N, C-alpha and C. Protein backbone atom coordinates (compact mmCIF):
# COMPACT_ATOMS: atom_id res chain seq x y z
N MET A 1 -28.92 98.27 44.08
CA MET A 1 -29.81 97.10 44.04
C MET A 1 -29.92 96.46 45.42
N LEU A 2 -31.08 95.88 45.65
CA LEU A 2 -31.31 95.17 46.90
C LEU A 2 -31.17 93.67 46.69
N LYS A 3 -30.69 93.02 47.73
CA LYS A 3 -30.70 91.56 47.79
C LYS A 3 -31.71 91.23 48.89
N ALA A 4 -32.91 90.81 48.47
CA ALA A 4 -34.05 90.75 49.39
C ALA A 4 -34.52 89.31 49.63
N ASP A 5 -34.48 88.91 50.89
CA ASP A 5 -35.07 87.64 51.33
C ASP A 5 -36.42 88.01 51.95
N LEU A 6 -37.49 87.63 51.28
CA LEU A 6 -38.82 88.13 51.64
C LEU A 6 -39.64 87.18 52.53
N HIS A 7 -38.95 86.34 53.30
CA HIS A 7 -39.67 85.45 54.21
C HIS A 7 -38.70 84.89 55.24
N ILE A 8 -38.62 85.55 56.40
CA ILE A 8 -37.74 85.11 57.48
C ILE A 8 -38.52 85.12 58.79
N HIS A 9 -38.26 84.10 59.62
CA HIS A 9 -38.89 84.00 60.95
C HIS A 9 -37.88 84.35 62.04
N THR A 10 -38.41 84.73 63.19
CA THR A 10 -37.60 85.07 64.35
C THR A 10 -38.11 84.29 65.57
N ARG A 11 -37.49 84.57 66.71
CA ARG A 11 -37.91 83.92 67.96
C ARG A 11 -39.34 84.28 68.36
N TYR A 12 -39.92 85.25 67.69
CA TYR A 12 -41.32 85.61 67.96
C TYR A 12 -42.28 84.58 67.37
N SER A 13 -41.80 83.71 66.49
CA SER A 13 -42.59 82.58 65.99
C SER A 13 -42.45 81.41 66.95
N MET A 14 -43.53 80.66 67.13
CA MET A 14 -43.52 79.57 68.09
C MET A 14 -42.61 78.41 67.66
N ASP A 15 -42.22 78.39 66.36
CA ASP A 15 -41.39 77.29 65.85
C ASP A 15 -40.01 77.77 65.41
N CYS A 16 -39.56 78.86 66.01
CA CYS A 16 -38.24 79.42 65.66
C CYS A 16 -37.61 80.00 66.92
N GLN A 17 -36.31 79.88 67.04
CA GLN A 17 -35.61 80.39 68.23
C GLN A 17 -34.54 81.43 67.87
N THR A 18 -34.55 81.93 66.66
CA THR A 18 -33.47 82.80 66.21
C THR A 18 -33.63 84.23 66.73
N PRO A 19 -32.65 84.73 67.49
CA PRO A 19 -32.71 86.11 68.00
C PRO A 19 -32.56 87.12 66.86
N LEU A 20 -33.09 88.31 67.07
CA LEU A 20 -33.05 89.34 66.04
C LEU A 20 -31.62 89.74 65.70
N ASP A 21 -30.77 89.87 66.71
CA ASP A 21 -29.41 90.32 66.44
C ASP A 21 -28.62 89.33 65.59
N LYS A 22 -28.88 88.05 65.75
CA LYS A 22 -28.19 87.04 64.94
C LYS A 22 -28.65 87.09 63.49
N ILE A 23 -29.92 87.41 63.28
CA ILE A 23 -30.43 87.57 61.92
C ILE A 23 -29.73 88.74 61.23
N ILE A 24 -29.59 89.84 61.95
CA ILE A 24 -28.91 91.01 61.40
C ILE A 24 -27.47 90.66 61.01
N THR A 25 -26.76 89.99 61.90
CA THR A 25 -25.37 89.63 61.62
C THR A 25 -25.26 88.73 60.40
N ARG A 26 -26.14 87.73 60.33
CA ARG A 26 -26.11 86.79 59.20
C ARG A 26 -26.42 87.50 57.88
N CYS A 27 -27.40 88.38 57.89
CA CYS A 27 -27.73 89.12 56.68
C CYS A 27 -26.55 89.96 56.21
N GLN A 28 -25.87 90.59 57.14
CA GLN A 28 -24.71 91.41 56.78
C GLN A 28 -23.58 90.55 56.21
N GLU A 29 -23.42 89.35 56.74
CA GLU A 29 -22.40 88.43 56.21
C GLU A 29 -22.71 88.04 54.77
N LEU A 30 -23.99 87.90 54.45
CA LEU A 30 -24.42 87.43 53.13
C LEU A 30 -24.68 88.57 52.15
N GLY A 31 -24.67 89.79 52.63
CA GLY A 31 -25.00 90.91 51.75
C GLY A 31 -26.49 91.08 51.52
N VAL A 32 -27.30 90.45 52.35
CA VAL A 32 -28.76 90.62 52.27
C VAL A 32 -29.09 91.96 52.94
N ASN A 33 -29.67 92.87 52.17
CA ASN A 33 -29.94 94.21 52.70
C ASN A 33 -31.41 94.61 52.65
N CYS A 34 -32.27 93.62 52.50
CA CYS A 34 -33.71 93.84 52.59
C CYS A 34 -34.35 92.52 53.01
N ILE A 35 -35.15 92.56 54.06
CA ILE A 35 -35.82 91.33 54.52
C ILE A 35 -37.27 91.63 54.88
N ALA A 36 -38.07 90.60 54.76
CA ALA A 36 -39.44 90.65 55.29
C ALA A 36 -39.48 89.68 56.46
N ILE A 37 -39.75 90.20 57.65
CA ILE A 37 -39.93 89.36 58.83
C ILE A 37 -41.41 88.99 58.88
N ALA A 38 -41.68 87.70 58.76
CA ALA A 38 -43.06 87.22 58.65
C ALA A 38 -43.30 86.12 59.68
N ASP A 39 -43.36 86.50 60.94
CA ASP A 39 -43.58 85.51 62.00
C ASP A 39 -45.03 85.01 61.97
N HIS A 40 -45.20 83.85 62.57
CA HIS A 40 -46.53 83.26 62.66
C HIS A 40 -47.36 84.00 63.70
N GLY A 41 -48.45 84.61 63.27
CA GLY A 41 -49.42 85.15 64.21
C GLY A 41 -49.04 86.41 64.93
N THR A 42 -47.97 87.06 64.52
CA THR A 42 -47.58 88.30 65.19
C THR A 42 -46.68 89.15 64.29
N ALA A 43 -46.84 90.46 64.40
CA ALA A 43 -45.96 91.39 63.70
C ALA A 43 -44.95 92.02 64.66
N GLU A 44 -44.96 91.60 65.91
CA GLU A 44 -44.12 92.25 66.93
C GLU A 44 -42.63 92.11 66.65
N GLY A 45 -42.20 90.93 66.23
CA GLY A 45 -40.79 90.75 65.93
C GLY A 45 -40.35 91.62 64.76
N ALA A 46 -41.20 91.72 63.76
CA ALA A 46 -40.89 92.55 62.59
C ALA A 46 -40.81 94.03 62.97
N LEU A 47 -41.75 94.47 63.80
CA LEU A 47 -41.74 95.86 64.24
C LEU A 47 -40.49 96.18 65.05
N GLU A 48 -40.07 95.23 65.89
CA GLU A 48 -38.85 95.42 66.67
C GLU A 48 -37.62 95.42 65.76
N MET A 49 -37.60 94.50 64.82
CA MET A 49 -36.48 94.42 63.88
C MET A 49 -36.35 95.70 63.08
N GLN A 50 -37.45 96.28 62.70
CA GLN A 50 -37.43 97.51 61.92
C GLN A 50 -36.75 98.66 62.68
N LYS A 51 -36.83 98.61 64.00
CA LYS A 51 -36.22 99.65 64.84
C LYS A 51 -34.70 99.52 64.92
N ILE A 52 -34.19 98.29 64.82
CA ILE A 52 -32.77 98.07 65.11
C ILE A 52 -31.92 97.67 63.92
N ALA A 53 -32.54 97.21 62.84
CA ALA A 53 -31.74 96.73 61.69
C ALA A 53 -31.15 97.90 60.91
N PRO A 54 -29.91 97.74 60.43
CA PRO A 54 -29.27 98.80 59.65
C PRO A 54 -29.60 98.71 58.16
N PHE A 55 -30.64 97.96 57.82
CA PHE A 55 -31.06 97.81 56.43
C PHE A 55 -32.59 97.79 56.37
N LYS A 56 -33.14 97.67 55.19
CA LYS A 56 -34.59 97.76 54.98
C LYS A 56 -35.30 96.53 55.53
N VAL A 57 -36.33 96.75 56.34
CA VAL A 57 -37.13 95.68 56.92
C VAL A 57 -38.60 95.91 56.59
N ILE A 58 -39.23 94.90 56.00
CA ILE A 58 -40.66 94.93 55.71
C ILE A 58 -41.38 94.21 56.85
N VAL A 59 -42.33 94.89 57.46
CA VAL A 59 -43.12 94.28 58.54
C VAL A 59 -44.20 93.40 57.92
N ALA A 60 -44.10 92.11 58.19
CA ALA A 60 -45.04 91.15 57.63
C ALA A 60 -45.52 90.19 58.73
N GLU A 61 -46.46 89.36 58.38
CA GLU A 61 -47.01 88.37 59.31
C GLU A 61 -47.67 87.26 58.52
N GLU A 62 -47.44 86.01 58.94
CA GLU A 62 -48.19 84.90 58.38
C GLU A 62 -49.44 84.73 59.25
N ILE A 63 -50.57 85.04 58.67
CA ILE A 63 -51.85 85.01 59.38
C ILE A 63 -52.52 83.66 59.10
N LEU A 64 -52.78 82.90 60.15
CA LEU A 64 -53.43 81.60 59.97
C LEU A 64 -54.94 81.81 59.91
N THR A 65 -55.48 81.72 58.71
CA THR A 65 -56.92 81.86 58.52
C THR A 65 -57.60 80.51 58.70
N THR A 66 -58.88 80.49 58.53
CA THR A 66 -59.65 79.24 58.65
C THR A 66 -59.35 78.26 57.51
N HIS A 67 -58.62 78.73 56.49
CA HIS A 67 -58.32 77.86 55.35
C HIS A 67 -56.83 77.87 54.99
N GLY A 68 -55.99 78.29 55.93
CA GLY A 68 -54.56 78.30 55.67
C GLY A 68 -53.97 79.69 55.79
N GLU A 69 -52.65 79.77 55.57
CA GLU A 69 -51.93 81.02 55.84
C GLU A 69 -51.95 82.00 54.67
N ILE A 70 -52.13 83.27 55.04
CA ILE A 70 -51.97 84.40 54.13
C ILE A 70 -50.95 85.33 54.76
N MET A 71 -50.03 85.84 53.97
CA MET A 71 -49.04 86.78 54.50
C MET A 71 -49.47 88.21 54.20
N GLY A 72 -49.55 89.02 55.26
CA GLY A 72 -49.72 90.45 55.09
C GLY A 72 -48.36 91.11 55.12
N MET A 73 -48.13 92.05 54.22
CA MET A 73 -46.85 92.76 54.16
C MET A 73 -47.09 94.26 54.29
N PHE A 74 -46.10 94.98 54.81
CA PHE A 74 -46.19 96.41 55.06
C PHE A 74 -47.29 96.70 56.10
N LEU A 75 -47.28 95.89 57.14
CA LEU A 75 -48.27 96.04 58.20
C LEU A 75 -47.80 97.04 59.25
N LYS A 76 -48.75 97.52 60.03
CA LYS A 76 -48.48 98.44 61.13
C LYS A 76 -48.69 97.77 62.49
N GLU A 77 -49.48 96.68 62.49
CA GLU A 77 -49.74 95.97 63.73
C GLU A 77 -50.18 94.55 63.43
N THR A 78 -50.21 93.72 64.48
CA THR A 78 -50.59 92.31 64.35
C THR A 78 -52.04 92.17 63.93
N ILE A 79 -52.29 91.19 63.06
CA ILE A 79 -53.64 90.79 62.69
C ILE A 79 -53.89 89.42 63.32
N GLN A 80 -54.89 89.33 64.17
CA GLN A 80 -55.19 88.08 64.85
C GLN A 80 -55.69 87.02 63.88
N GLY A 81 -55.25 85.78 64.09
CA GLY A 81 -55.64 84.67 63.22
C GLY A 81 -57.03 84.14 63.56
N GLY A 82 -57.38 83.03 62.90
CA GLY A 82 -58.68 82.41 63.12
C GLY A 82 -59.81 83.07 62.35
N ILE A 83 -59.45 83.96 61.43
CA ILE A 83 -60.46 84.66 60.64
C ILE A 83 -60.52 84.05 59.25
N SER A 84 -61.51 84.44 58.48
CA SER A 84 -61.65 83.92 57.12
C SER A 84 -60.60 84.55 56.21
N PRO A 85 -60.28 83.89 55.10
CA PRO A 85 -59.34 84.49 54.16
C PRO A 85 -59.79 85.87 53.68
N ARG A 86 -61.08 86.02 53.41
CA ARG A 86 -61.60 87.31 52.96
C ARG A 86 -61.41 88.39 54.04
N GLU A 87 -61.62 88.02 55.30
CA GLU A 87 -61.45 88.97 56.38
C GLU A 87 -59.97 89.33 56.54
N ALA A 88 -59.09 88.36 56.34
CA ALA A 88 -57.65 88.63 56.42
C ALA A 88 -57.25 89.64 55.35
N VAL A 89 -57.74 89.45 54.14
CA VAL A 89 -57.47 90.39 53.05
C VAL A 89 -57.96 91.78 53.44
N LYS A 90 -59.16 91.83 53.97
CA LYS A 90 -59.77 93.12 54.36
C LYS A 90 -58.91 93.83 55.41
N ARG A 91 -58.43 93.09 56.40
CA ARG A 91 -57.64 93.71 57.48
C ARG A 91 -56.25 94.11 57.01
N ILE A 92 -55.68 93.35 56.09
CA ILE A 92 -54.38 93.74 55.50
C ILE A 92 -54.55 95.05 54.73
N ARG A 93 -55.60 95.12 53.93
CA ARG A 93 -55.87 96.33 53.14
C ARG A 93 -56.11 97.54 54.05
N ALA A 94 -56.78 97.31 55.19
CA ALA A 94 -57.08 98.41 56.12
C ALA A 94 -55.82 99.05 56.66
N GLN A 95 -54.71 98.30 56.66
CA GLN A 95 -53.43 98.84 57.13
C GLN A 95 -52.57 99.37 55.98
N GLY A 96 -53.14 99.36 54.78
CA GLY A 96 -52.36 99.79 53.62
C GLY A 96 -51.36 98.76 53.17
N GLY A 97 -51.59 97.50 53.58
CA GLY A 97 -50.64 96.43 53.28
C GLY A 97 -50.91 95.69 51.99
N LEU A 98 -50.02 94.75 51.71
CA LEU A 98 -50.12 93.91 50.52
C LEU A 98 -50.43 92.48 50.91
N VAL A 99 -51.15 91.79 50.04
CA VAL A 99 -51.52 90.39 50.25
C VAL A 99 -50.56 89.49 49.49
N ASN A 100 -49.85 88.65 50.23
CA ASN A 100 -48.89 87.71 49.65
C ASN A 100 -49.32 86.30 50.02
N ILE A 101 -49.15 85.37 49.09
CA ILE A 101 -49.47 83.96 49.38
C ILE A 101 -48.16 83.20 49.57
N PRO A 102 -47.85 82.80 50.80
CA PRO A 102 -46.62 82.05 51.06
C PRO A 102 -46.80 80.57 50.74
N HIS A 103 -45.72 79.95 50.32
CA HIS A 103 -45.70 78.51 49.99
C HIS A 103 -47.01 78.01 49.37
N PRO A 104 -47.42 78.62 48.24
CA PRO A 104 -48.70 78.21 47.62
C PRO A 104 -48.63 76.81 47.02
N PHE A 105 -49.79 76.15 47.00
CA PHE A 105 -49.96 74.84 46.37
C PHE A 105 -49.10 73.75 47.01
N GLU A 106 -48.68 73.98 48.26
CA GLU A 106 -47.94 72.96 49.00
C GLU A 106 -48.83 71.75 49.24
N THR A 107 -48.27 70.58 49.08
CA THR A 107 -49.04 69.35 49.25
C THR A 107 -48.78 68.66 50.57
N ILE A 108 -47.71 69.04 51.29
CA ILE A 108 -47.41 68.36 52.56
C ILE A 108 -47.46 69.31 53.75
N ARG A 109 -47.67 70.60 53.49
CA ARG A 109 -47.68 71.57 54.58
C ARG A 109 -49.13 71.92 54.91
N GLY A 110 -49.56 71.51 56.10
CA GLY A 110 -50.96 71.70 56.49
C GLY A 110 -51.39 73.14 56.58
N SER A 111 -50.44 74.05 56.79
CA SER A 111 -50.78 75.47 56.94
C SER A 111 -50.92 76.19 55.60
N ALA A 112 -50.61 75.52 54.50
CA ALA A 112 -50.69 76.17 53.19
C ALA A 112 -52.14 76.53 52.88
N LEU A 113 -52.34 77.70 52.26
CA LEU A 113 -53.68 78.12 51.88
C LEU A 113 -54.25 77.14 50.87
N LYS A 114 -55.50 76.75 51.08
CA LYS A 114 -56.13 75.75 50.22
C LYS A 114 -56.23 76.26 48.78
N ASP A 115 -56.02 75.34 47.84
CA ASP A 115 -56.00 75.70 46.42
C ASP A 115 -57.27 76.43 45.99
N GLU A 116 -58.42 75.95 46.45
CA GLU A 116 -59.67 76.57 46.02
C GLU A 116 -59.79 78.00 46.51
N ILE A 117 -59.21 78.28 47.68
CA ILE A 117 -59.25 79.64 48.21
C ILE A 117 -58.33 80.56 47.41
N ILE A 118 -57.17 80.04 47.02
CA ILE A 118 -56.27 80.83 46.18
C ILE A 118 -56.99 81.26 44.91
N ASN A 119 -57.72 80.34 44.32
CA ASN A 119 -58.48 80.68 43.11
C ASN A 119 -59.58 81.69 43.40
N GLU A 120 -60.23 81.56 44.54
CA GLU A 120 -61.33 82.47 44.89
C GLU A 120 -60.85 83.90 45.10
N ILE A 121 -59.66 84.07 45.68
CA ILE A 121 -59.19 85.43 46.00
C ILE A 121 -58.11 85.91 45.04
N ALA A 122 -57.99 85.25 43.91
CA ALA A 122 -56.93 85.58 42.95
C ALA A 122 -56.85 87.07 42.65
N GLY A 123 -58.01 87.71 42.54
CA GLY A 123 -58.04 89.13 42.20
C GLY A 123 -57.54 90.03 43.30
N ASP A 124 -57.40 89.50 44.52
CA ASP A 124 -56.92 90.28 45.66
C ASP A 124 -55.46 90.03 46.00
N ILE A 125 -54.81 89.12 45.28
CA ILE A 125 -53.42 88.76 45.58
C ILE A 125 -52.47 89.75 44.91
N ASP A 126 -51.59 90.33 45.71
CA ASP A 126 -50.60 91.28 45.20
C ASP A 126 -49.28 90.62 44.84
N LEU A 127 -48.97 89.54 45.55
CA LEU A 127 -47.68 88.88 45.39
C LEU A 127 -47.85 87.40 45.69
N MET A 128 -47.13 86.56 44.95
CA MET A 128 -47.17 85.12 45.21
C MET A 128 -45.74 84.61 45.34
N GLU A 129 -45.51 83.84 46.37
CA GLU A 129 -44.17 83.28 46.62
C GLU A 129 -43.93 82.14 45.64
N VAL A 130 -43.15 82.41 44.60
CA VAL A 130 -42.90 81.39 43.59
C VAL A 130 -41.64 80.59 43.86
N LEU A 131 -40.87 81.01 44.87
CA LEU A 131 -39.76 80.19 45.36
C LEU A 131 -39.71 80.31 46.87
N ASN A 132 -39.94 79.20 47.53
CA ASN A 132 -39.83 79.09 48.98
C ASN A 132 -38.84 77.96 49.24
N SER A 133 -37.74 78.27 49.90
CA SER A 133 -36.66 77.28 50.06
C SER A 133 -37.08 76.06 50.85
N ARG A 134 -38.14 76.20 51.65
CA ARG A 134 -38.62 75.06 52.43
C ARG A 134 -39.65 74.22 51.68
N SER A 135 -39.99 74.60 50.47
CA SER A 135 -40.90 73.80 49.66
C SER A 135 -40.09 72.72 48.94
N PRO A 136 -40.33 71.45 49.25
CA PRO A 136 -39.42 70.40 48.75
C PRO A 136 -39.67 69.96 47.32
N PHE A 137 -40.85 70.24 46.77
CA PHE A 137 -41.19 69.67 45.47
C PHE A 137 -41.20 70.72 44.36
N PRO A 138 -40.40 70.55 43.33
CA PRO A 138 -40.37 71.50 42.21
C PRO A 138 -41.74 71.69 41.55
N ALA A 139 -42.56 70.66 41.56
CA ALA A 139 -43.88 70.77 40.92
C ALA A 139 -44.73 71.85 41.56
N ASN A 140 -44.60 72.03 42.88
CA ASN A 140 -45.36 73.08 43.56
C ASN A 140 -44.88 74.46 43.12
N THR A 141 -43.57 74.60 42.98
CA THR A 141 -42.99 75.86 42.51
C THR A 141 -43.45 76.16 41.09
N ASP A 142 -43.45 75.15 40.24
CA ASP A 142 -43.89 75.32 38.85
C ASP A 142 -45.36 75.76 38.79
N LYS A 143 -46.18 75.17 39.65
CA LYS A 143 -47.60 75.53 39.68
C LYS A 143 -47.78 76.97 40.14
N ALA A 144 -47.00 77.39 41.13
CA ALA A 144 -47.08 78.76 41.62
C ALA A 144 -46.66 79.75 40.54
N LYS A 145 -45.58 79.44 39.82
CA LYS A 145 -45.12 80.32 38.75
C LYS A 145 -46.18 80.44 37.65
N ALA A 146 -46.79 79.31 37.30
CA ALA A 146 -47.81 79.33 36.25
C ALA A 146 -49.03 80.13 36.67
N PHE A 147 -49.45 79.96 37.93
CA PHE A 147 -50.62 80.70 38.43
C PHE A 147 -50.32 82.19 38.45
N ALA A 148 -49.14 82.57 38.94
CA ALA A 148 -48.78 83.98 39.01
C ALA A 148 -48.74 84.60 37.62
N ALA A 149 -48.18 83.89 36.67
CA ALA A 149 -48.11 84.41 35.31
C ALA A 149 -49.51 84.56 34.71
N GLU A 150 -50.35 83.57 34.92
CA GLU A 150 -51.71 83.60 34.36
C GLU A 150 -52.51 84.78 34.90
N HIS A 151 -52.31 85.10 36.18
CA HIS A 151 -53.09 86.16 36.82
C HIS A 151 -52.32 87.48 36.94
N HIS A 152 -51.17 87.57 36.27
CA HIS A 152 -50.36 88.79 36.25
C HIS A 152 -50.01 89.26 37.66
N ILE A 153 -49.57 88.30 38.48
CA ILE A 153 -49.16 88.56 39.86
C ILE A 153 -47.63 88.49 39.93
N PRO A 154 -46.97 89.51 40.48
CA PRO A 154 -45.51 89.42 40.63
C PRO A 154 -45.12 88.22 41.49
N GLY A 155 -44.01 87.61 41.14
CA GLY A 155 -43.52 86.46 41.89
C GLY A 155 -42.46 86.83 42.89
N GLY A 156 -42.65 86.42 44.14
CA GLY A 156 -41.69 86.70 45.20
C GLY A 156 -40.87 85.48 45.56
N ALA A 157 -39.90 85.67 46.44
CA ALA A 157 -39.04 84.58 46.87
C ALA A 157 -38.59 84.81 48.30
N GLY A 158 -38.47 83.73 49.05
CA GLY A 158 -37.99 83.84 50.42
C GLY A 158 -37.49 82.52 50.92
N SER A 159 -36.56 82.58 51.85
CA SER A 159 -35.98 81.35 52.41
C SER A 159 -36.94 80.64 53.35
N ASP A 160 -37.90 81.38 53.92
CA ASP A 160 -38.78 80.84 54.98
C ASP A 160 -37.91 80.36 56.14
N ALA A 161 -36.81 81.08 56.37
CA ALA A 161 -35.81 80.65 57.35
C ALA A 161 -36.37 80.61 58.77
N HIS A 162 -36.21 79.45 59.39
CA HIS A 162 -36.50 79.28 60.81
C HIS A 162 -35.21 79.05 61.60
N THR A 163 -34.10 78.95 60.88
CA THR A 163 -32.78 78.82 61.50
C THR A 163 -31.83 79.79 60.81
N ILE A 164 -30.74 80.10 61.46
CA ILE A 164 -29.83 81.13 60.97
C ILE A 164 -29.19 80.76 59.64
N LEU A 165 -28.90 79.46 59.44
CA LEU A 165 -28.20 79.05 58.23
C LEU A 165 -29.09 79.01 57.00
N GLU A 166 -30.40 79.11 57.19
CA GLU A 166 -31.32 79.11 56.04
C GLU A 166 -31.45 80.48 55.39
N ILE A 167 -31.11 81.53 56.13
CA ILE A 167 -31.28 82.88 55.61
C ILE A 167 -30.53 83.04 54.30
N GLY A 168 -31.19 83.64 53.32
CA GLY A 168 -30.56 83.88 52.03
C GLY A 168 -30.62 82.71 51.07
N ASN A 169 -31.25 81.60 51.47
CA ASN A 169 -31.35 80.46 50.56
C ASN A 169 -32.24 80.76 49.36
N ALA A 170 -33.09 81.79 49.47
CA ALA A 170 -33.85 82.29 48.33
C ALA A 170 -33.94 83.80 48.48
N TYR A 171 -33.76 84.50 47.39
CA TYR A 171 -33.80 85.96 47.45
C TYR A 171 -34.06 86.54 46.06
N ILE A 172 -34.37 87.83 46.05
CA ILE A 172 -34.56 88.56 44.79
C ILE A 172 -33.55 89.70 44.74
N GLU A 173 -32.89 89.85 43.61
CA GLU A 173 -32.13 91.05 43.35
C GLU A 173 -33.07 92.02 42.65
N MET A 174 -33.30 93.17 43.27
CA MET A 174 -34.35 94.07 42.79
C MET A 174 -33.98 95.52 43.09
N PRO A 175 -34.56 96.48 42.35
CA PRO A 175 -34.30 97.89 42.64
C PRO A 175 -34.87 98.28 44.00
N ASP A 176 -34.32 99.36 44.56
CA ASP A 176 -34.81 99.88 45.82
C ASP A 176 -36.24 100.42 45.63
N PHE A 177 -36.94 100.62 46.75
CA PHE A 177 -38.34 101.07 46.69
C PHE A 177 -38.64 101.90 47.93
N ASP A 178 -39.72 102.66 47.85
CA ASP A 178 -40.15 103.48 48.99
C ASP A 178 -41.54 103.10 49.50
N THR A 179 -42.43 102.75 48.61
CA THR A 179 -43.82 102.47 48.98
C THR A 179 -44.18 101.04 48.61
N PRO A 180 -45.28 100.51 49.15
CA PRO A 180 -45.72 99.17 48.75
C PRO A 180 -45.91 99.01 47.25
N GLN A 181 -46.44 100.02 46.60
CA GLN A 181 -46.63 99.92 45.15
C GLN A 181 -45.30 99.96 44.41
N ASP A 182 -44.35 100.76 44.91
CA ASP A 182 -43.00 100.74 44.35
C ASP A 182 -42.37 99.36 44.52
N PHE A 183 -42.63 98.76 45.68
CA PHE A 183 -42.10 97.43 45.98
C PHE A 183 -42.58 96.41 44.94
N LEU A 184 -43.86 96.45 44.61
CA LEU A 184 -44.40 95.49 43.62
C LEU A 184 -43.73 95.68 42.26
N LYS A 185 -43.50 96.92 41.88
CA LYS A 185 -42.82 97.18 40.61
C LYS A 185 -41.39 96.67 40.65
N SER A 186 -40.73 96.85 41.78
CA SER A 186 -39.35 96.39 41.92
C SER A 186 -39.27 94.87 41.85
N VAL A 187 -40.20 94.19 42.54
CA VAL A 187 -40.23 92.73 42.50
C VAL A 187 -40.45 92.24 41.07
N ALA A 188 -41.37 92.89 40.37
CA ALA A 188 -41.69 92.47 39.00
C ALA A 188 -40.49 92.60 38.06
N SER A 189 -39.60 93.54 38.36
CA SER A 189 -38.43 93.74 37.51
C SER A 189 -37.18 93.05 38.05
N GLY A 190 -37.34 92.37 39.19
CA GLY A 190 -36.20 91.72 39.82
C GLY A 190 -35.90 90.34 39.27
N ARG A 191 -34.84 89.75 39.82
CA ARG A 191 -34.42 88.41 39.39
C ARG A 191 -34.28 87.52 40.62
N ILE A 192 -34.89 86.34 40.53
CA ILE A 192 -34.93 85.41 41.66
C ILE A 192 -33.75 84.43 41.60
N TYR A 193 -33.16 84.22 42.79
CA TYR A 193 -32.09 83.24 42.94
C TYR A 193 -32.42 82.36 44.15
N GLY A 194 -31.91 81.15 44.17
CA GLY A 194 -32.11 80.37 45.39
C GLY A 194 -31.98 78.88 45.21
N LYS A 195 -32.14 78.21 46.33
CA LYS A 195 -32.03 76.76 46.38
C LYS A 195 -32.99 76.25 47.45
N ARG A 196 -33.20 74.95 47.44
CA ARG A 196 -34.05 74.32 48.44
C ARG A 196 -33.22 73.96 49.67
N SER A 197 -33.81 74.16 50.82
CA SER A 197 -33.08 73.93 52.07
C SER A 197 -33.05 72.47 52.48
N GLY A 198 -33.94 71.66 51.91
CA GLY A 198 -33.99 70.25 52.27
C GLY A 198 -35.01 69.97 53.36
N ILE A 199 -35.49 68.75 53.36
CA ILE A 199 -36.54 68.35 54.30
C ILE A 199 -36.08 68.45 55.76
N PHE A 200 -34.80 68.20 56.01
CA PHE A 200 -34.32 68.08 57.39
C PHE A 200 -34.52 69.35 58.20
N VAL A 201 -34.57 70.53 57.54
CA VAL A 201 -34.68 71.79 58.30
C VAL A 201 -35.99 71.87 59.07
N HIS A 202 -37.00 71.12 58.61
CA HIS A 202 -38.28 71.14 59.33
C HIS A 202 -38.15 70.51 60.72
N CYS A 203 -37.14 69.67 60.90
CA CYS A 203 -36.92 69.06 62.22
C CYS A 203 -36.59 70.13 63.26
N PHE A 204 -35.85 71.15 62.85
CA PHE A 204 -35.51 72.24 63.77
C PHE A 204 -36.76 72.99 64.21
N SER A 205 -37.70 73.15 63.29
CA SER A 205 -38.96 73.83 63.62
C SER A 205 -39.79 73.02 64.59
N VAL A 206 -39.83 71.71 64.36
CA VAL A 206 -40.58 70.83 65.26
C VAL A 206 -39.99 70.90 66.66
N TRP A 207 -38.66 70.86 66.76
CA TRP A 207 -38.00 70.92 68.06
C TRP A 207 -38.26 72.25 68.74
N ALA A 208 -38.19 73.34 67.98
CA ALA A 208 -38.45 74.66 68.55
C ALA A 208 -39.89 74.77 69.05
N ARG A 209 -40.82 74.19 68.31
CA ARG A 209 -42.23 74.21 68.73
C ARG A 209 -42.43 73.43 70.02
N LEU A 210 -41.76 72.29 70.13
CA LEU A 210 -41.86 71.48 71.34
C LEU A 210 -41.29 72.23 72.55
N LYS A 211 -40.15 72.91 72.34
CA LYS A 211 -39.55 73.68 73.43
C LYS A 211 -40.46 74.82 73.87
N SER A 212 -41.14 75.43 72.91
CA SER A 212 -42.06 76.51 73.22
C SER A 212 -43.22 76.00 74.08
N ARG A 213 -43.71 74.81 73.73
CA ARG A 213 -44.82 74.22 74.49
C ARG A 213 -44.38 73.84 75.89
N MET A 214 -43.14 73.33 75.99
CA MET A 214 -42.65 72.94 77.32
C MET A 214 -42.48 74.15 78.23
N ARG A 215 -42.07 75.29 77.65
CA ARG A 215 -41.94 76.51 78.44
C ARG A 215 -43.30 76.97 78.97
N VAL A 216 -44.33 76.82 78.11
CA VAL A 216 -45.69 77.20 78.51
C VAL A 216 -46.18 76.31 79.64
N ILE A 217 -45.94 74.99 79.50
CA ILE A 217 -46.37 74.04 80.54
C ILE A 217 -45.62 74.28 81.83
N GLY A 218 -44.29 74.56 81.70
CA GLY A 218 -43.47 74.78 82.88
C GLY A 218 -43.84 76.05 83.60
């Protein structure tokens, strides 16, 4: 069985400073043996992690569309943001990837995909994050679970870790898989565990973003 955290960020995200090697060490400490690296706007960190990690790594990316973020999974290369949600779906499919909706129905996160767009592309969604440790309100989680059930979409889980201590705060125990379609079957038969990380963890992301901007200015 796999213990899979399906949403982790690395230093390749503008709001995270966690090195790849520290993520590997932390996962090994926790027994997490499958991760999806989903950096903002780039698949480069995930591709690099896939080369060096001693466990299963899914190459993913949070793509910022004109109406919020869509996560592509099982990607081969970066998909540039600033495109429409429909175009993002098209480009994910062109790489043989899966369409995942991270932190759906969030009410305080500006990057969350707009509710009306989720409804519009419901037929194209392969996976929906029904537990995101950085989502502070249970009502949003309940709405995501209800939507996924109504549309027969497997429910995923991830810590959305931007710091080392958040890793593993949400995960799925699921059978091993080889292909994206096998992955969906495994998720559907898996069991979700986790907890909320608390509002304070967002402060670390804000600080990391500020440091990134200062480096650019400097």
